Amino acid sequence: MARGINNHAFFVFKLLFCFFLLLRLIALPF
């Protein structure tokens, strides 16, 4: 169970990191 939660947390973290990177890329030229 803990392993599943940890895997889910890692997935969410990766998703947030990608979103943050995309936001930086979009906001960079302005």
PDB file of N, CA and C in Angstrom:
ATOM      1  N   MET A   1       0.831  -1.199   0.000  1.00  0.00           N
ATOM      2  CA  MET A   1       0.000   0.000   0.000  1.00  0.00           C
ATOM      3  C   MET A   1       0.876   1.264   0.000  1.00  0.00           C
ATOM      4  N   ALA A   2       1.864   1.283   0.893  1.00  0.00           N
ATOM      5  CA  ALA A   2       2.746   2.450   0.982  1.00  0.00           C
ATOM      6  C   ALA A   2       3.509   2.643  -0.331  1.00  0.00           C
ATOM      7  N   ARG A   3       3.844   1.514  -0.956  1.00  0.00           N
ATOM      8  CA  ARG A   3       4.577   1.572  -2.209  1.00  0.00           C
ATOM      9  C   ARG A   3       3.722   2.219  -3.299  1.00  0.00           C
ATOM     10  N   GLY A   4       2.432   1.868  -3.317  1.00  0.00           N
ATOM     11  CA  GLY A   4       1.516   2.447  -4.297  1.00  0.00           C
ATOM     12  C   GLY A   4       1.357   3.944  -4.097  1.00  0.00           C
ATOM     13  N   ILE A   5       1.255   4.350  -2.835  1.00  0.00           N
ATOM     14  CA  ILE A   5       1.117   5.774  -2.516  1.00  0.00           C
ATOM     15  C   ILE A   5       2.389   6.524  -2.919  1.00  0.00           C
ATOM     16  N   ASN A   6       3.532   5.909  -2.652  1.00  0.00           N
ATOM     17  CA  ASN A   6       4.809   6.528  -2.995  1.00  0.00           C
ATOM     18  C   ASN A   6       4.928   6.690  -4.507  1.00  0.00           C
ATOM     19  N   ASN A   7       4.506   5.671  -5.257  1.00  0.00           N
ATOM     20  CA  ASN A   7       4.540   5.713  -6.710  1.00  0.00           C
ATOM     21  C   ASN A   7       3.625   6.812  -7.227  1.00  0.00           C
ATOM     22  N   HIS A   8       2.438   6.940  -6.631  1.00  0.00           N
ATOM     23  CA  HIS A   8       1.478   7.968  -7.028  1.00  0.00           C
ATOM     24  C   HIS A   8       2.041   9.358  -6.736  1.00  0.00           C
ATOM     25  N   ALA A   9       2.676   9.513  -5.575  1.00  0.00           N
ATOM     26  CA  ALA A   9       3.268  10.798  -5.200  1.00  0.00           C
ATOM     27  C   ALA A   9       4.380  11.182  -6.173  1.00  0.00           C
ATOM     28  N   PHE A  10       5.180  10.205  -6.575  1.00  0.00           N
ATOM     29  CA  PHE A  10       6.261  10.450  -7.530  1.00  0.00           C
ATOM     30  C   PHE A  10       5.692  10.887  -8.876  1.00  0.00           C
ATOM     31  N   PHE A  11       4.590  10.255  -9.292  1.00  0.00           N
ATOM     32  CA  PHE A  11       3.942  10.595 -10.554  1.00  0.00           C
ATOM     33  C   PHE A  11       3.410  12.022 -10.523  1.00  0.00           C
ATOM     34  N   VAL A  12       2.773  12.389  -9.409  1.00  0.00           N
ATOM     35  CA  VAL A  12       2.236  13.745  -9.251  1.00  0.00           C
ATOM     36  C   VAL A  12       3.374  14.765  -9.236  1.00  0.00           C
ATOM     37  N   PHE A  13       4.467  14.433  -8.550  1.00  0.00           N
ATOM     38  CA  PHE A  13       5.631  15.318  -8.487  1.00  0.00           C
ATOM     39  C   PHE A  13       6.216  15.540  -9.879  1.00  0.00           C
ATOM     40  N   LYS A  14       6.309  14.446 -10.658  1.00  0.00           N
ATOM     41  CA  LYS A  14       6.835  14.535 -12.019  1.00  0.00           C
ATOM     42  C   LYS A  14       5.931  15.401 -12.892  1.00  0.00           C
ATOM     43  N   LEU A  15       4.620  15.232 -12.713  1.00  0.00           N
ATOM     44  CA  LEU A  15       3.649  16.002 -13.481  1.00  0.00           C
ATOM     45  C   LEU A  15       3.770  17.492 -13.149  1.00  0.00           C
ATOM     46  N   LEU A  16       3.875  17.805 -11.860  1.00  0.00           N
ATOM     47  CA  LEU A  16       4.017  19.196 -11.421  1.00  0.00           C
ATOM     48  C   LEU A  16       5.325  19.796 -11.928  1.00  0.00           C
ATOM     49  N   PHE A  17       6.390  19.012 -11.911  1.00  0.00           N
ATOM     50  CA  PHE A  17       7.688  19.478 -12.378  1.00  0.00           C
ATOM     51  C   PHE A  17       7.643  19.804 -13.871  1.00  0.00           C
ATOM     52  N   CYS A  18       7.003  18.932 -14.654  1.00  0.00           N
ATOM     53  CA  CYS A  18       6.856  19.169 -16.094  1.00  0.00           C
ATOM     54  C   CYS A  18       6.018  20.411 -16.350  1.00  0.00           C
ATOM     55  N   PHE A  19       4.952  20.591 -15.565  1.00  0.00           N
ATOM     56  CA  PHE A  19       4.084  21.757 -15.698  1.00  0.00           C
ATOM     57  C   PHE A  19       4.854  23.038 -15.376  1.00  0.00           C
ATOM     58  N   PHE A  20       5.661  22.999 -14.315  1.00  0.00           N
ATOM     59  CA  PHE A  20       6.475  24.147 -13.917  1.00  0.00           C
ATOM     60  C   PHE A  20       7.494  24.490 -15.003  1.00  0.00           C
ATOM     61  N   LEU A  21       8.113  23.467 -15.582  1.00  0.00           N
ATOM     62  CA  LEU A  21       9.090  23.659 -16.646  1.00  0.00           C
ATOM     63  C   LEU A  21       8.435  24.296 -17.869  1.00  0.00           C
ATOM     64  N   LEU A  22       7.244  23.817 -18.216  1.00  0.00           N
ATOM     65  CA  LEU A  22       6.500  24.359 -19.348  1.00  0.00           C
ATOM     66  C   LEU A  22       6.132  25.817 -19.094  1.00  0.00           C
ATOM     67  N   LEU A  23       5.716  26.116 -17.874  1.00  0.00           N
ATOM     68  CA  LEU A  23       5.354  27.485 -17.497  1.00  0.00           C
ATOM     69  C   LEU A  23       6.572  28.403 -17.612  1.00  0.00           C
ATOM     70  N   ARG A  24       7.724  27.947 -17.168  1.00  0.00           N
ATOM     71  CA  ARG A  24       8.966  28.720 -17.274  1.00  0.00           C
ATOM     72  C   ARG A  24       9.300  28.987 -18.740  1.00  0.00           C
ATOM     73  N   LEU A  25       9.128  27.961 -19.573  1.00  0.00           N
ATOM     74  CA  LEU A  25       9.436  28.075 -20.994  1.00  0.00           C
ATOM     75  C   LEU A  25       8.537  29.106 -21.671  1.00  0.00           C
ATOM     76  N   ILE A  26       7.256  29.121 -21.278  1.00  0.00           N
ATOM     77  CA  ILE A  26       6.295  30.059 -21.853  1.00  0.00           C
ATOM     78  C   ILE A  26       6.558  31.477 -21.339  1.00  0.00           C
ATOM     79  N   ALA A  27       6.906  31.598 -20.054  1.00  0.00           N
ATOM     80  CA  ALA A  27       7.083  32.915 -19.434  1.00  0.00           C
ATOM     81  C   ALA A  27       8.467  33.513 -19.709  1.00  0.00           C
ATOM     82  N   LEU A  28       9.376  32.722 -20.256  1.00  0.00           N
ATOM     83  CA  LEU A  28      10.747  33.184 -20.476  1.00  0.00           C
ATOM     84  C   LEU A  28      10.846  34.371 -21.444  1.00  0.00           C
ATOM     85  N   PRO A  29      10.192  34.331 -22.624  1.00  0.00           N
ATOM     86  CA  PRO A  29      10.370  35.431 -23.585  1.00  0.00           C
ATOM     87  C   PRO A  29       9.805  36.770 -23.123  1.00  0.00           C
ATOM     88  N   PHE A  30       8.852  36.764 -22.182  1.00  0.00           N
ATOM     89  CA  PHE A  30       8.197  38.022 -21.807  1.00  0.00           C
ATOM     90  C   PHE A  30       8.956  38.746 -20.693  1.00  0.00           C
TER      91      PHE A  30
END
